[in-house]
Amino acid sequence: MSSDAGAVPPDKFLCGWRLRTGIAMPELAPWTGDDRQPDLLIHTGPIPSQLDDAHDVSPLLQVNDEGQARLSIDGVATYWLRSTREIVIDPQIDVDSPDVRTFLFGTILGLLCHRRGLFPLHASCVIVEGNAIAISGVSGAGKSTLAAALVRRGHRLVSDDICAIDAGAPGGPVVRPAFPRVKLWQDSLEAMGIAADGLHANRFGQNKYYLRFSDSTEFQMDPVRLKAVYLLNPLAAPIAGREEIERLPLMQAAVGLHEQVYRKRTALRWGRAADLFTAVGQIAGATDIHRLTRGPDLTGLDALVRRIEAHAAT
């Protein structure tokens, strides 16, 4: 069940942290930075059935006031965010399975960002003309599809699904790069002319797949200034003339950002309300926030991507 035994693989890169693990994590780029001690350890091990002084955030997630979190996914694994430097996984399947990493790089990564003082925006992020643009929205809105289409047009990926923002960075908010892959449903792959054959599924039996970008021209490993956020507003039905990009006034921008905080309920449970309020103000005050209204399907994907590309370059 564990791949911890044997030679320790090279350290990995995640959000600027040096990560050490014995678990296969092919999504992550290798660590090429300084010789610091690891910022984060991920390993397998036993996990208590109940955290000390636990509060239930959901039937699957419990947290305590010490900043720990326990996530249990039946048939996959239990995860313990033990501290800002350690994550323990107790797998129920092969620990190297993509299913295990799906929740590690989703819920657990989002919670770790909160614990480390970053602002995790529910967004995918791409560099256009040297600046990061975040495409944000609820699950299924099309964030990853638009990000992948932009990368295929020559731009670089920074993150997918969780956009880790250092809102208080000198010079303005910056995005911490995550890993060079996006998760795409089969219809999105087909819209871009990509075959799913040979791609790893996000979860066993699911028609959602990992699309990896391994070339250095496709993935950004240095923190990058956040220029703009596009808040997706997918239409339920086509309406002529309704696909548009509209800059939002400050208050609407702040509300839109706050709505897309990843794992916000847990952050509030941890007492981060004031921190989130401050971060939202820093981002909204220094970044262009737009509402992006798009059609209900992928038939106009190429034209929409070109519009975003041109708009982001101005």
Protein backbone atom coordinates (compact mmCIF):
# COMPACT_ATOMS: atom_id res chain seq x y z
CA MET A 1 0.00 0.00 0.00
CA SER A 2 2.93 2.38 0.55
CA SER A 3 5.75 3.47 -1.73
CA ASP A 4 7.73 4.95 1.18
CA ALA A 5 10.13 2.02 1.27
CA GLY A 6 13.42 2.03 -0.65
CA ALA A 7 15.34 4.96 -2.09
CA VAL A 8 13.84 8.39 -1.44
CA PRO A 9 12.93 10.07 -4.74
CA PRO A 10 14.09 13.61 -5.51
CA ASP A 11 12.28 16.43 -3.77
CA LYS A 12 9.38 18.13 -5.56
CA PHE A 13 8.19 21.69 -6.15
CA LEU A 14 4.76 22.85 -4.95
CA CYS A 15 3.72 26.50 -4.53
CA GLY A 16 7.35 27.47 -3.93
CA TRP A 17 7.74 24.89 -1.17
CA ARG A 18 10.32 22.14 -1.16
CA LEU A 19 8.30 18.95 -0.76
CA ARG A 20 9.74 15.61 0.33
CA THR A 21 7.76 12.39 -0.03
CA GLY A 22 8.16 8.71 -0.80
CA ILE A 23 4.85 8.71 -2.69
CA ALA A 24 4.81 8.94 -6.47
CA MET A 25 3.64 12.42 -7.51
CA PRO A 26 4.18 12.69 -11.26
CA GLU A 27 2.14 15.92 -11.45
CA LEU A 28 4.80 17.86 -9.57
CA ALA A 29 7.88 19.45 -11.08
CA PRO A 30 11.25 18.56 -9.49
CA TRP A 31 12.73 20.91 -6.92
CA THR A 32 15.45 23.03 -8.54
CA GLY A 33 15.81 25.68 -5.84
CA ASP A 34 18.22 26.11 -2.95
CA ASP A 35 19.40 23.44 -0.51
CA ARG A 36 17.01 24.40 2.29
CA GLN A 37 15.41 21.75 4.47
CA PRO A 38 12.05 20.52 3.15
CA ASP A 39 9.17 22.91 3.77
CA LEU A 40 6.65 20.07 3.63
CA LEU A 41 6.72 16.34 4.33
CA ILE A 42 4.04 13.99 2.97
CA HIS A 43 4.10 10.36 4.07
CA THR A 44 1.87 7.41 4.87
CA GLY A 45 1.01 6.42 8.40
CA PRO A 46 -1.77 5.79 10.92
CA ILE A 47 -4.31 8.55 11.52
CA PRO A 48 -6.53 8.92 14.59
CA SER A 49 -10.24 8.35 14.03
CA GLN A 50 -10.99 11.62 15.84
CA LEU A 51 -8.85 14.72 16.20
CA ASP A 52 -8.50 16.27 19.64
CA ASP A 53 -11.27 18.85 20.19
CA ALA A 54 -12.56 18.23 16.67
CA HIS A 55 -15.32 20.17 14.91
CA ASP A 56 -17.18 18.63 11.98
CA VAL A 57 -17.12 20.88 8.92
CA SER A 58 -18.85 18.16 6.86
CA PRO A 59 -19.45 14.41 7.18
CA LEU A 60 -16.02 13.93 5.54
CA LEU A 61 -13.99 16.70 7.14
CA GLN A 62 -13.16 17.52 10.74
CA VAL A 63 -10.84 20.25 12.01
CA ASN A 64 -9.66 21.57 15.35
CA ASP A 65 -8.58 24.94 16.66
CA GLU A 66 -4.91 23.94 16.41
CA GLY A 67 -5.23 24.14 12.63
CA GLN A 68 -5.32 20.42 12.01
CA ALA A 69 -7.69 18.79 9.54
CA ARG A 70 -8.79 15.19 8.94
CA LEU A 71 -10.40 14.31 5.61
CA SER A 72 -11.81 10.80 5.06
CA ILE A 73 -12.76 9.63 1.54
CA ASP A 74 -14.33 6.19 1.66
CA GLY A 75 -12.58 3.73 -0.64
CA VAL A 76 -9.64 6.08 -1.27
CA ALA A 77 -7.75 7.37 1.80
CA THR A 78 -7.80 9.36 5.00
CA TYR A 79 -5.69 12.52 5.11
CA TRP A 80 -4.33 14.33 8.14
CA LEU A 81 -3.08 17.88 7.82
CA ARG A 82 -1.06 17.55 10.98
CA SER A 83 0.79 20.87 10.76
CA THR A 84 1.91 23.43 8.20
CA ARG A 85 4.89 21.13 7.52
CA GLU A 86 3.39 17.64 7.58
CA ILE A 87 0.62 15.71 5.85
CA VAL A 88 -0.10 12.07 6.67
CA ILE A 89 -2.01 9.76 4.32
CA ASP A 90 -3.58 6.45 5.32
CA PRO A 91 -4.57 4.88 1.96
CA GLN A 92 -7.25 2.29 1.35
CA ILE A 93 -5.97 1.67 -2.19
CA ASP A 94 -2.53 1.83 -3.78
CA VAL A 95 -1.09 5.08 -2.45
CA ASP A 96 0.35 5.86 -5.88
CA SER A 97 -3.15 5.84 -7.43
CA PRO A 98 -4.31 9.12 -9.04
CA ASP A 99 -7.43 8.92 -6.84
CA VAL A 100 -5.30 9.54 -3.75
CA ARG A 101 -3.65 12.61 -5.28
CA THR A 102 -6.99 14.01 -6.42
CA PHE A 103 -7.98 14.87 -2.83
CA LEU A 104 -4.42 15.67 -1.75
CA PHE A 105 -4.07 18.34 -4.43
CA GLY A 106 -7.65 19.52 -3.94
CA THR A 107 -9.09 19.89 -0.45
CA ILE A 108 -5.86 19.27 1.46
CA LEU A 109 -3.80 21.69 -0.65
CA GLY A 110 -6.47 24.35 -0.23
CA LEU A 111 -6.49 23.92 3.54
CA LEU A 112 -2.68 24.00 3.62
CA CYS A 113 -2.74 27.34 1.76
CA HIS A 114 -5.02 28.77 4.46
CA ARG A 115 -2.73 27.47 7.19
CA ARG A 116 0.31 29.00 5.50
CA GLY A 117 -1.33 32.40 5.09
CA LEU A 118 -1.98 32.23 1.35
CA PHE A 119 -5.28 33.14 -0.30
CA PRO A 120 -6.56 30.09 -2.23
CA LEU A 121 -8.81 31.36 -5.00
CA HIS A 122 -10.97 28.76 -6.78
CA ALA A 123 -9.33 29.49 -10.12
CA SER A 124 -6.94 28.36 -12.82
CA CYS A 125 -4.10 30.69 -13.68
CA VAL A 126 -2.15 31.35 -16.90
CA ILE A 127 0.51 33.88 -17.87
CA VAL A 128 -0.39 36.14 -20.79
CA GLU A 129 2.13 38.76 -21.93
CA GLY A 130 4.18 38.31 -18.75
CA ASN A 131 1.31 38.75 -16.30
CA ALA A 132 -0.80 36.19 -14.48
CA ILE A 133 -4.52 36.08 -15.16
CA ALA A 134 -6.77 33.95 -12.96
CA ILE A 135 -9.94 32.42 -14.40
CA SER A 136 -12.25 31.82 -11.45
CA GLY A 137 -15.63 30.21 -10.92
CA VAL A 138 -17.58 27.36 -9.44
CA SER A 139 -16.81 23.75 -10.33
CA GLY A 140 -17.77 23.01 -13.92
CA ALA A 141 -17.71 26.66 -15.03
CA GLY A 142 -14.86 26.02 -17.47
CA LYS A 143 -11.76 27.30 -15.63
CA SER A 144 -9.47 24.41 -16.55
CA THR A 145 -10.74 24.22 -20.12
CA LEU A 146 -9.96 27.87 -20.78
CA ALA A 147 -6.58 27.59 -19.07
CA ALA A 148 -5.63 24.52 -21.13
CA ALA A 149 -6.74 26.19 -24.36
CA LEU A 150 -4.60 29.25 -23.54
CA VAL A 151 -1.56 27.06 -22.82
CA ARG A 152 -2.03 25.33 -26.15
CA ARG A 153 -1.88 28.78 -27.78
CA GLY A 154 1.59 29.36 -26.35
CA HIS A 155 0.95 30.78 -22.88
CA ARG A 156 2.25 29.28 -19.64
CA LEU A 157 0.25 27.54 -16.93
CA VAL A 158 0.69 28.62 -13.31
CA SER A 159 -1.98 26.59 -11.51
CA ASP A 160 -5.23 24.71 -11.96
CA ASP A 161 -8.34 24.80 -9.76
CA ILE A 162 -6.53 26.30 -6.75
CA CYS A 163 -4.73 29.58 -7.35
CA ALA A 164 -2.48 30.24 -4.34
CA ILE A 165 -2.14 34.01 -4.00
CA ASP A 166 0.28 35.83 -1.73
CA ALA A 167 -1.98 38.85 -1.38
CA GLY A 168 0.43 40.91 0.74
CA ALA A 169 3.55 40.40 -1.37
CA PRO A 170 5.74 43.48 -1.91
CA GLY A 171 4.67 45.19 -5.11
CA GLY A 172 1.22 43.65 -5.10
CA PRO A 173 -0.42 40.21 -5.09
CA VAL A 174 1.53 37.37 -6.70
CA VAL A 175 0.54 33.83 -7.61
CA ARG A 176 2.55 30.86 -6.37
CA PRO A 177 2.89 28.21 -9.13
CA ALA A 178 1.49 24.79 -8.29
CA PHE A 179 2.00 22.00 -10.85
CA PRO A 180 2.01 21.58 -14.64
CA ARG A 181 -1.30 19.83 -15.19
CA VAL A 182 -4.99 20.52 -15.58
CA LYS A 183 -8.02 18.28 -15.09
CA LEU A 184 -10.37 18.11 -18.07
CA TRP A 185 -13.64 16.36 -18.80
CA GLN A 186 -13.70 14.32 -21.99
CA ASP A 187 -15.88 16.84 -23.85
CA SER A 188 -13.28 19.54 -23.19
CA LEU A 189 -10.52 17.30 -24.53
CA GLU A 190 -12.59 16.58 -27.63
CA ALA A 191 -13.25 20.30 -28.17
CA MET A 192 -9.48 20.81 -28.31
CA GLY A 193 -8.87 17.74 -30.47
CA ILE A 194 -7.07 15.80 -27.73
CA ALA A 195 -7.56 12.06 -27.33
CA ALA A 196 -8.12 10.72 -23.82
CA ASP A 197 -6.21 7.53 -24.67
CA GLY A 198 -3.14 7.24 -22.47
CA LEU A 199 -4.21 9.99 -20.05
CA HIS A 200 -4.68 9.16 -16.36
CA ALA A 201 -8.23 9.51 -15.07
CA ASN A 202 -8.82 11.94 -12.22
CA ARG A 203 -10.64 9.11 -10.42
CA PHE A 204 -11.20 5.49 -11.38
CA GLY A 205 -14.06 5.18 -13.88
CA GLN A 206 -14.43 8.97 -14.27
CA ASN A 207 -14.34 10.65 -17.69
CA LYS A 208 -12.13 13.42 -16.34
CA TYR A 209 -8.43 13.26 -17.11
CA TYR A 210 -5.06 14.78 -16.28
CA LEU A 211 -3.50 16.76 -19.10
CA ARG A 212 0.15 17.41 -18.25
CA PHE A 213 2.36 20.19 -19.59
CA SER A 214 5.96 19.15 -19.14
CA ASP A 215 7.79 21.63 -21.40
CA SER A 216 9.45 24.59 -19.64
CA THR A 217 7.65 26.91 -22.07
CA GLU A 218 4.30 25.58 -20.79
CA PHE A 219 4.71 25.95 -17.01
CA GLN A 220 5.81 28.90 -14.89
CA MET A 221 7.85 28.00 -11.77
CA ASP A 222 8.53 31.50 -10.43
CA PRO A 223 5.96 33.60 -8.55
CA VAL A 224 4.27 36.02 -10.92
CA ARG A 225 2.37 39.26 -10.44
CA LEU A 226 -1.41 38.86 -10.63
CA LYS A 227 -2.73 41.30 -13.23
CA ALA A 228 -6.37 40.29 -13.60
CA VAL A 229 -9.10 37.94 -12.39
CA TYR A 230 -11.92 36.83 -14.68
CA LEU A 231 -14.98 35.65 -12.76
CA LEU A 232 -16.80 33.17 -14.96
CA ASN A 233 -20.52 33.57 -15.45
CA PRO A 234 -21.60 30.67 -17.69
CA LEU A 235 -25.00 31.13 -19.29
CA ALA A 236 -27.60 28.39 -18.94
CA ALA A 237 -28.76 29.00 -22.52
CA PRO A 238 -27.34 30.93 -25.47
CA ILE A 239 -28.33 34.60 -25.59
CA ALA A 240 -27.21 36.67 -28.56
CA GLY A 241 -24.72 39.35 -27.62
CA ARG A 242 -24.35 38.19 -24.01
CA GLU A 243 -20.78 36.89 -24.20
CA GLU A 244 -18.84 39.78 -22.75
CA ILE A 245 -16.02 40.89 -20.48
CA GLU A 246 -17.02 43.57 -18.00
CA ARG A 247 -14.76 45.21 -15.43
CA LEU A 248 -16.39 45.21 -12.01
CA PRO A 249 -16.45 48.14 -9.58
CA LEU A 250 -14.50 47.65 -6.38
CA MET A 251 -17.33 46.43 -4.15
CA GLN A 252 -18.65 43.93 -6.71
CA ALA A 253 -15.09 42.77 -7.34
CA ALA A 254 -14.52 42.18 -3.62
CA VAL A 255 -17.79 40.25 -3.27
CA GLY A 256 -16.94 38.12 -6.32
CA LEU A 257 -13.50 37.25 -4.96
CA HIS A 258 -14.87 36.41 -1.52
CA GLU A 259 -17.42 34.05 -3.07
CA GLN A 260 -14.62 32.08 -4.74
CA VAL A 261 -12.40 31.49 -1.70
CA TYR A 262 -11.53 27.81 -1.77
CA ARG A 263 -12.64 25.94 1.40
CA LYS A 264 -13.90 29.16 2.96
CA ARG A 265 -16.02 27.47 5.64
CA THR A 266 -12.96 25.81 7.10
CA ALA A 267 -10.97 29.04 6.97
CA LEU A 268 -13.72 30.79 8.92
CA ARG A 269 -13.79 27.93 11.41
CA TRP A 270 -10.06 28.55 11.90
CA GLY A 271 -10.71 32.23 12.60
CA ARG A 272 -9.36 33.58 9.32
CA ALA A 273 -12.28 35.93 8.57
CA ALA A 274 -10.22 39.08 9.12
CA ASP A 275 -7.29 37.67 7.10
CA LEU A 276 -9.59 36.85 4.18
CA PHE A 277 -11.18 40.30 4.34
CA THR A 278 -7.74 41.91 4.22
CA ALA A 279 -6.57 39.69 1.36
CA VAL A 280 -9.71 40.37 -0.68
CA GLY A 281 -9.12 44.11 -0.26
CA GLN A 282 -5.46 43.80 -1.29
CA ILE A 283 -6.32 41.80 -4.40
CA ALA A 284 -9.33 43.88 -5.45
CA GLY A 285 -7.42 47.10 -4.87
CA ALA A 286 -4.40 46.11 -6.96
CA THR A 287 -5.90 43.83 -9.63
CA ASP A 288 -8.37 44.22 -12.48
CA ILE A 289 -11.44 42.10 -11.69
CA HIS A 290 -13.76 41.27 -14.58
CA ARG A 291 -16.96 39.32 -15.06
CA LEU A 292 -16.59 36.96 -18.02
CA THR A 293 -19.95 35.87 -19.41
CA ARG A 294 -19.71 32.88 -21.73
CA GLY A 295 -21.99 30.54 -23.65
CA PRO A 296 -23.32 27.27 -22.22
CA ASP A 297 -21.18 24.90 -24.34
CA LEU A 298 -17.79 24.57 -26.01
CA THR A 299 -18.76 25.41 -29.58
CA GLY A 300 -17.24 28.90 -29.35
CA LEU A 301 -14.18 27.89 -27.32
CA ASP A 302 -11.56 29.06 -29.80
CA ALA A 303 -13.18 32.47 -30.31
CA LEU A 304 -13.63 32.96 -26.55
CA VAL A 305 -10.00 32.06 -25.84
CA ARG A 306 -8.84 34.58 -28.45
CA ARG A 307 -11.01 37.26 -26.83
CA ILE A 308 -9.51 36.55 -23.39
CA GLU A 309 -6.03 36.53 -24.87
CA ALA A 310 -6.51 39.89 -26.57
CA HIS A 311 -8.22 41.44 -23.53
CA ALA A 312 -5.54 40.22 -21.10
CA ALA A 313 -2.77 41.64 -23.30
CA THR A 314 -4.14 45.19 -23.16
